[in-house]
N, C-alpha and C. Protein backbone atom coordinates (compact mmCIF):
# COMPACT_ATOMS: atom_id res chain seq x y z
N MET A 1 133.59 63.96 120.90
CA MET A 1 133.94 63.47 119.60
C MET A 1 132.90 62.46 119.15
N GLY A 2 132.49 62.57 117.91
CA GLY A 2 131.53 61.63 117.36
C GLY A 2 132.20 60.30 117.08
N PRO A 3 131.39 59.26 116.77
CA PRO A 3 131.95 57.94 116.56
C PRO A 3 132.90 57.88 115.37
N ASN A 4 132.70 58.70 114.35
CA ASN A 4 133.57 58.68 113.18
C ASN A 4 134.82 59.52 113.37
N LEU A 5 134.91 60.27 114.45
CA LEU A 5 136.04 61.17 114.65
C LEU A 5 137.00 60.69 115.72
N ARG A 6 136.79 59.51 116.24
CA ARG A 6 137.69 59.00 117.27
C ARG A 6 139.03 58.65 116.66
N PRO A 7 140.09 59.21 117.22
CA PRO A 7 141.42 58.91 116.68
C PRO A 7 141.83 57.49 117.02
N ARG A 8 142.66 56.94 116.17
CA ARG A 8 143.18 55.61 116.44
C ARG A 8 144.15 55.67 117.61
N SER A 9 144.25 54.58 118.31
CA SER A 9 145.16 54.55 119.46
C SER A 9 146.60 54.74 119.02
N SER A 10 146.93 54.35 117.78
CA SER A 10 148.30 54.55 117.30
C SER A 10 148.63 56.03 117.17
N SER A 11 147.63 56.84 116.78
CA SER A 11 147.86 58.29 116.68
C SER A 11 148.08 58.89 118.06
N LYS A 12 147.26 58.47 119.01
CA LYS A 12 147.41 58.98 120.37
C LYS A 12 148.79 58.60 120.92
N SER A 13 149.19 57.38 120.67
CA SER A 13 150.52 56.94 121.13
C SER A 13 151.62 57.76 120.49
N ARG A 14 151.46 58.07 119.21
CA ARG A 14 152.47 58.86 118.50
C ARG A 14 152.60 60.25 119.11
N TYR A 15 151.45 60.89 119.42
CA TYR A 15 151.50 62.23 120.03
C TYR A 15 152.11 62.16 121.43
N GLU A 16 151.72 61.18 122.21
CA GLU A 16 152.28 61.05 123.55
C GLU A 16 153.78 60.80 123.50
N SER A 17 154.21 59.95 122.57
CA SER A 17 155.62 59.66 122.40
C SER A 17 156.38 60.91 121.96
N MET A 18 155.81 61.67 121.03
CA MET A 18 156.44 62.90 120.56
C MET A 18 156.64 63.87 121.72
N TYR A 19 155.62 63.99 122.55
CA TYR A 19 155.75 64.89 123.70
C TYR A 19 156.85 64.39 124.64
N ARG A 20 156.79 63.11 124.98
CA ARG A 20 157.73 62.54 125.94
C ARG A 20 159.18 62.60 125.45
N LEU A 21 159.41 62.33 124.17
CA LEU A 21 160.77 62.24 123.65
C LEU A 21 161.36 63.56 123.17
N HIS A 22 160.53 64.47 122.67
CA HIS A 22 161.07 65.67 122.04
C HIS A 22 160.54 66.97 122.64
N VAL A 23 159.22 67.12 122.68
CA VAL A 23 158.64 68.40 123.11
C VAL A 23 158.86 68.63 124.60
N GLY A 24 158.55 67.65 125.42
CA GLY A 24 158.71 67.79 126.87
C GLY A 24 160.13 68.13 127.29
N PRO A 25 161.14 67.37 126.82
CA PRO A 25 162.51 67.69 127.22
C PRO A 25 162.96 69.09 126.77
N LYS A 26 162.44 69.57 125.66
CA LYS A 26 162.85 70.88 125.15
C LYS A 26 162.09 72.02 125.83
N CYS A 27 160.80 71.85 126.06
CA CYS A 27 159.95 72.96 126.54
C CYS A 27 159.31 72.71 127.89
N GLY A 28 159.45 71.53 128.43
CA GLY A 28 158.70 71.12 129.60
C GLY A 28 158.88 71.96 130.85
N LYS A 29 160.01 72.60 131.01
CA LYS A 29 160.26 73.38 132.22
C LYS A 29 159.92 74.85 132.04
N ARG A 30 159.41 75.20 130.87
CA ARG A 30 159.14 76.60 130.54
C ARG A 30 157.67 76.92 130.73
N LYS A 31 157.38 78.16 131.09
CA LYS A 31 156.00 78.63 131.12
C LYS A 31 155.56 78.86 129.68
N VAL A 32 154.28 78.57 129.40
CA VAL A 32 153.82 78.66 128.02
C VAL A 32 154.00 80.06 127.45
N GLY A 33 153.88 81.10 128.26
CA GLY A 33 154.02 82.46 127.77
C GLY A 33 155.44 82.87 127.45
N SER A 34 156.41 82.06 127.85
CA SER A 34 157.81 82.43 127.63
C SER A 34 158.37 81.87 126.32
N ILE A 35 157.63 81.03 125.64
CA ILE A 35 158.13 80.37 124.43
C ILE A 35 157.78 81.22 123.21
N LYS A 36 158.80 81.56 122.44
CA LYS A 36 158.66 82.46 121.28
C LYS A 36 158.64 81.68 119.97
N PRO A 37 157.98 82.25 118.94
CA PRO A 37 157.94 81.58 117.63
C PRO A 37 159.33 81.25 117.08
N SER A 38 160.29 82.12 117.27
CA SER A 38 161.64 81.85 116.75
C SER A 38 162.26 80.63 117.43
N GLU A 39 161.95 80.42 118.70
CA GLU A 39 162.46 79.24 119.41
C GLU A 39 161.81 77.96 118.89
N ILE A 40 160.53 78.06 118.59
CA ILE A 40 159.83 76.90 118.03
C ILE A 40 160.41 76.55 116.67
N GLN A 41 160.64 77.57 115.84
CA GLN A 41 161.21 77.33 114.51
C GLN A 41 162.59 76.71 114.62
N GLU A 42 163.40 77.19 115.54
CA GLU A 42 164.73 76.62 115.74
C GLU A 42 164.64 75.16 116.19
N PHE A 43 163.71 74.88 117.09
CA PHE A 43 163.49 73.50 117.57
C PHE A 43 163.08 72.59 116.41
N LEU A 44 162.16 73.05 115.56
CA LEU A 44 161.72 72.24 114.42
C LEU A 44 162.85 72.01 113.43
N ALA A 45 163.68 73.04 113.24
CA ALA A 45 164.83 72.90 112.33
C ALA A 45 165.82 71.86 112.86
N GLU A 46 166.05 71.86 114.17
CA GLU A 46 166.93 70.86 114.78
C GLU A 46 166.38 69.46 114.56
N LEU A 47 165.08 69.29 114.79
CA LEU A 47 164.46 67.98 114.58
C LEU A 47 164.56 67.57 113.11
N GLY A 48 164.39 68.53 112.21
CA GLY A 48 164.45 68.25 110.79
C GLY A 48 165.83 67.78 110.33
N LYS A 49 166.86 68.23 111.02
CA LYS A 49 168.23 67.81 110.67
C LYS A 49 168.52 66.39 111.16
N GLN A 50 167.86 66.00 112.25
CA GLN A 50 168.15 64.71 112.87
C GLN A 50 167.20 63.59 112.45
N TYR A 51 165.98 63.95 112.03
CA TYR A 51 164.95 62.96 111.77
C TYR A 51 164.25 63.22 110.44
N GLU A 52 163.41 62.27 110.05
CA GLU A 52 162.59 62.44 108.86
C GLU A 52 161.62 63.60 109.07
N ALA A 53 161.04 64.09 107.99
CA ALA A 53 160.15 65.26 108.06
C ALA A 53 158.93 65.03 108.94
N SER A 54 158.50 63.79 109.10
CA SER A 54 157.32 63.54 109.92
C SER A 54 157.54 63.89 111.39
N THR A 55 158.78 63.85 111.86
CA THR A 55 159.05 64.15 113.27
C THR A 55 158.81 65.62 113.59
N PRO A 56 159.41 66.58 112.86
CA PRO A 56 159.09 67.97 113.18
C PRO A 56 157.63 68.34 112.87
N ILE A 57 157.04 67.69 111.89
CA ILE A 57 155.63 67.96 111.59
C ILE A 57 154.76 67.54 112.77
N THR A 58 155.00 66.36 113.30
CA THR A 58 154.23 65.88 114.45
C THR A 58 154.51 66.72 115.68
N ALA A 59 155.76 67.12 115.88
CA ALA A 59 156.09 67.99 117.01
C ALA A 59 155.33 69.31 116.91
N LEU A 60 155.24 69.85 115.70
CA LEU A 60 154.50 71.10 115.50
C LEU A 60 153.02 70.92 115.82
N LEU A 61 152.44 69.80 115.42
CA LEU A 61 151.03 69.53 115.73
C LEU A 61 150.80 69.48 117.23
N VAL A 62 151.70 68.82 117.95
CA VAL A 62 151.59 68.73 119.41
C VAL A 62 151.71 70.13 120.03
N LEU A 63 152.70 70.90 119.58
CA LEU A 63 152.88 72.25 120.11
C LEU A 63 151.68 73.14 119.80
N GLN A 64 151.15 73.05 118.58
CA GLN A 64 149.99 73.86 118.23
C GLN A 64 148.80 73.52 119.13
N GLY A 65 148.61 72.25 119.41
CA GLY A 65 147.52 71.84 120.29
C GLY A 65 147.70 72.37 121.71
N ILE A 66 148.91 72.29 122.21
CA ILE A 66 149.19 72.79 123.56
C ILE A 66 148.92 74.29 123.64
N PHE A 67 149.43 75.03 122.66
CA PHE A 67 149.27 76.49 122.69
C PHE A 67 147.84 76.91 122.35
N ASP A 68 147.12 76.14 121.54
CA ASP A 68 145.70 76.44 121.29
C ASP A 68 144.91 76.41 122.60
N LEU A 69 145.21 75.43 123.41
CA LEU A 69 144.52 75.34 124.70
C LEU A 69 144.92 76.49 125.62
N ALA A 70 146.19 76.86 125.60
CA ALA A 70 146.64 77.97 126.43
C ALA A 70 145.95 79.28 126.00
N VAL A 71 145.74 79.45 124.70
CA VAL A 71 145.00 80.62 124.21
C VAL A 71 143.55 80.55 124.68
N ALA A 72 142.92 79.38 124.54
CA ALA A 72 141.53 79.20 124.95
C ALA A 72 141.37 79.45 126.45
N ASP A 73 142.36 79.06 127.23
CA ASP A 73 142.33 79.28 128.68
C ASP A 73 142.81 80.67 129.09
N GLU A 74 143.11 81.50 128.09
CA GLU A 74 143.56 82.87 128.29
C GLU A 74 144.86 82.96 129.09
N LYS A 75 145.73 81.97 128.92
CA LYS A 75 147.07 82.01 129.53
C LYS A 75 148.01 82.83 128.65
N ILE A 76 147.75 82.80 127.33
CA ILE A 76 148.51 83.59 126.36
C ILE A 76 147.52 84.16 125.35
N LYS A 77 147.93 85.22 124.63
CA LYS A 77 147.03 85.87 123.68
C LYS A 77 147.08 85.24 122.30
N LYS A 78 148.27 84.83 121.86
CA LYS A 78 148.45 84.27 120.52
C LYS A 78 149.22 82.96 120.61
N ASN A 79 148.96 82.09 119.65
CA ASN A 79 149.62 80.81 119.58
C ASN A 79 150.96 80.99 118.86
N PRO A 80 152.09 80.88 119.57
CA PRO A 80 153.39 81.09 118.91
C PRO A 80 153.73 79.99 117.90
N ALA A 81 153.10 78.84 118.01
CA ALA A 81 153.36 77.75 117.06
C ALA A 81 152.62 77.96 115.74
N LYS A 82 151.75 78.97 115.68
CA LYS A 82 151.04 79.28 114.44
C LYS A 82 151.50 80.60 113.83
N ALA A 83 152.60 81.13 114.31
CA ALA A 83 153.16 82.37 113.75
C ALA A 83 153.65 82.11 112.33
N ASP A 84 153.72 83.15 111.54
CA ASP A 84 154.13 83.03 110.14
C ASP A 84 155.53 82.44 109.97
N ILE A 85 156.41 82.69 110.91
CA ILE A 85 157.79 82.20 110.75
C ILE A 85 157.94 80.73 111.09
N VAL A 86 156.95 80.13 111.73
CA VAL A 86 157.04 78.73 112.15
C VAL A 86 156.57 77.83 111.01
N LYS A 87 157.51 77.07 110.49
CA LYS A 87 157.19 76.18 109.38
C LYS A 87 157.92 74.85 109.58
N ALA A 88 157.17 73.77 109.55
CA ALA A 88 157.78 72.45 109.60
C ALA A 88 158.16 72.05 108.18
N PRO A 89 159.18 71.25 108.02
CA PRO A 89 159.53 70.81 106.67
C PRO A 89 158.39 70.00 106.07
N SER A 90 158.17 70.18 104.78
CA SER A 90 157.10 69.41 104.15
C SER A 90 157.62 68.02 103.82
N PRO A 91 156.75 67.01 103.89
CA PRO A 91 157.20 65.66 103.60
C PRO A 91 157.68 65.53 102.15
N HIS A 92 158.68 64.74 101.95
CA HIS A 92 159.24 64.45 100.63
C HIS A 92 159.84 65.70 99.98
N GLY A 93 160.17 66.71 100.78
CA GLY A 93 160.80 67.90 100.24
C GLY A 93 159.91 68.77 99.38
N ARG A 94 158.61 68.51 99.38
CA ARG A 94 157.70 69.30 98.55
C ARG A 94 157.11 70.44 99.36
N THR A 95 156.82 71.51 98.68
CA THR A 95 156.10 72.60 99.33
C THR A 95 154.64 72.48 98.93
N PRO A 96 153.73 72.69 99.86
CA PRO A 96 152.33 72.56 99.51
C PRO A 96 151.94 73.60 98.45
N CYS A 97 151.24 73.15 97.42
CA CYS A 97 150.90 74.06 96.33
C CYS A 97 149.41 74.37 96.27
N ARG A 98 148.60 73.61 96.98
CA ARG A 98 147.17 73.91 96.98
C ARG A 98 146.58 73.56 98.33
N ARG A 99 145.46 74.15 98.61
CA ARG A 99 144.81 73.92 99.90
C ARG A 99 144.16 72.55 99.92
N ARG A 100 144.38 71.83 101.01
CA ARG A 100 143.76 70.52 101.16
C ARG A 100 142.75 70.60 102.30
N TYR A 101 141.63 69.97 102.11
CA TYR A 101 140.59 69.97 103.13
C TYR A 101 140.68 68.70 103.96
N LEU A 102 140.28 68.82 105.21
CA LEU A 102 140.42 67.71 106.14
C LEU A 102 139.43 66.59 105.83
N THR A 103 139.92 65.36 105.91
CA THR A 103 139.05 64.20 105.83
C THR A 103 138.55 63.91 107.24
N THR A 104 137.64 62.97 107.35
CA THR A 104 137.12 62.61 108.67
C THR A 104 138.24 62.15 109.58
N ARG A 105 139.19 61.37 109.06
CA ARG A 105 140.31 60.90 109.88
C ARG A 105 141.18 62.06 110.33
N GLN A 106 141.43 63.03 109.43
CA GLN A 106 142.25 64.19 109.78
C GLN A 106 141.53 65.04 110.82
N GLN A 107 140.22 65.16 110.72
CA GLN A 107 139.47 65.91 111.72
C GLN A 107 139.62 65.23 113.08
N GLY A 108 139.59 63.91 113.09
CA GLY A 108 139.78 63.17 114.34
C GLY A 108 141.17 63.42 114.91
N THR A 109 142.17 63.44 114.05
CA THR A 109 143.54 63.72 114.48
C THR A 109 143.63 65.13 115.05
N HIS A 110 142.98 66.07 114.38
CA HIS A 110 142.96 67.45 114.86
C HIS A 110 142.33 67.52 116.25
N GLN A 111 141.21 66.82 116.44
CA GLN A 111 140.57 66.82 117.74
C GLN A 111 141.42 66.12 118.78
N LEU A 112 142.14 65.07 118.38
CA LEU A 112 143.04 64.39 119.30
C LEU A 112 144.11 65.35 119.80
N ARG A 113 144.63 66.17 118.90
CA ARG A 113 145.65 67.14 119.26
C ARG A 113 145.13 68.08 120.35
N HIS A 114 143.89 68.52 120.19
CA HIS A 114 143.30 69.40 121.20
C HIS A 114 143.04 68.65 122.51
N TYR A 115 142.60 67.41 122.41
CA TYR A 115 142.37 66.60 123.60
C TYR A 115 143.69 66.41 124.36
N PHE A 116 144.74 66.03 123.63
CA PHE A 116 146.03 65.81 124.26
C PHE A 116 146.52 67.09 124.93
N ALA A 117 146.33 68.21 124.25
CA ALA A 117 146.75 69.48 124.83
C ALA A 117 145.98 69.79 126.10
N SER A 118 144.69 69.52 126.12
CA SER A 118 143.89 69.80 127.31
C SER A 118 144.33 68.93 128.47
N VAL A 119 144.64 67.67 128.19
CA VAL A 119 145.14 66.78 129.23
C VAL A 119 146.50 67.27 129.70
N THR A 120 147.31 67.73 128.76
CA THR A 120 148.67 68.16 129.06
C THR A 120 148.68 69.42 129.92
N LEU A 121 147.81 70.37 129.64
CA LEU A 121 147.83 71.64 130.36
C LEU A 121 146.87 71.69 131.55
N ALA A 122 146.14 70.63 131.81
CA ALA A 122 145.11 70.64 132.84
C ALA A 122 145.67 70.93 134.24
N GLY A 123 146.90 70.56 134.51
CA GLY A 123 147.43 70.68 135.86
C GLY A 123 148.06 72.01 136.21
N GLY A 124 148.26 72.92 135.25
CA GLY A 124 148.89 74.19 135.57
C GLY A 124 149.42 74.87 134.34
N VAL A 125 150.23 75.89 134.56
CA VAL A 125 150.71 76.70 133.46
C VAL A 125 151.96 76.10 132.81
N THR A 126 152.81 75.45 133.58
CA THR A 126 154.04 74.95 132.99
C THR A 126 153.80 73.62 132.29
N ILE A 127 154.52 73.43 131.24
CA ILE A 127 154.41 72.20 130.47
C ILE A 127 155.06 71.04 131.23
N LYS A 128 156.10 71.33 132.00
CA LYS A 128 156.80 70.28 132.75
C LYS A 128 155.87 69.58 133.71
N ASP A 129 155.07 70.36 134.45
CA ASP A 129 154.15 69.75 135.42
C ASP A 129 153.24 68.74 134.74
N LEU A 130 152.89 69.03 133.51
CA LEU A 130 151.95 68.18 132.79
C LEU A 130 152.61 67.00 132.13
N SER A 131 153.93 67.04 132.00
CA SER A 131 154.63 65.93 131.34
C SER A 131 154.82 64.74 132.28
N GLU A 132 154.59 64.94 133.54
CA GLU A 132 154.82 63.87 134.53
C GLU A 132 153.54 63.11 134.78
N TYR A 133 153.06 62.39 133.79
CA TYR A 133 151.82 61.62 133.92
C TYR A 133 152.08 60.16 134.02
């Protein structure tokens, strides 16, 4: 990561907290290949009922990063968190109406997601093994 793309420590803490509090307890004991898009959508819907929209959105980012790495490592063929049926609620109840391009900070956040996923999956195939850090 370049000097302008380093994520803030608060973002890293938010992703780690999201994994520890929500993603890990729900998916941590499962093999990455066993998790289906419909299960991810159901999980996000549950979070959306209990928390503000930022919670399922952040959970989706963490899951996408984890599964992106699993695809890159050839553990799975497709990222189930990027399937068409998987949608996190949009903030403020709005649906996105136009394409937005990433700013430098967003690119750093995107790279942080991949970094966190690589750290998370480095120890094996199951997410649970990686949650015990």
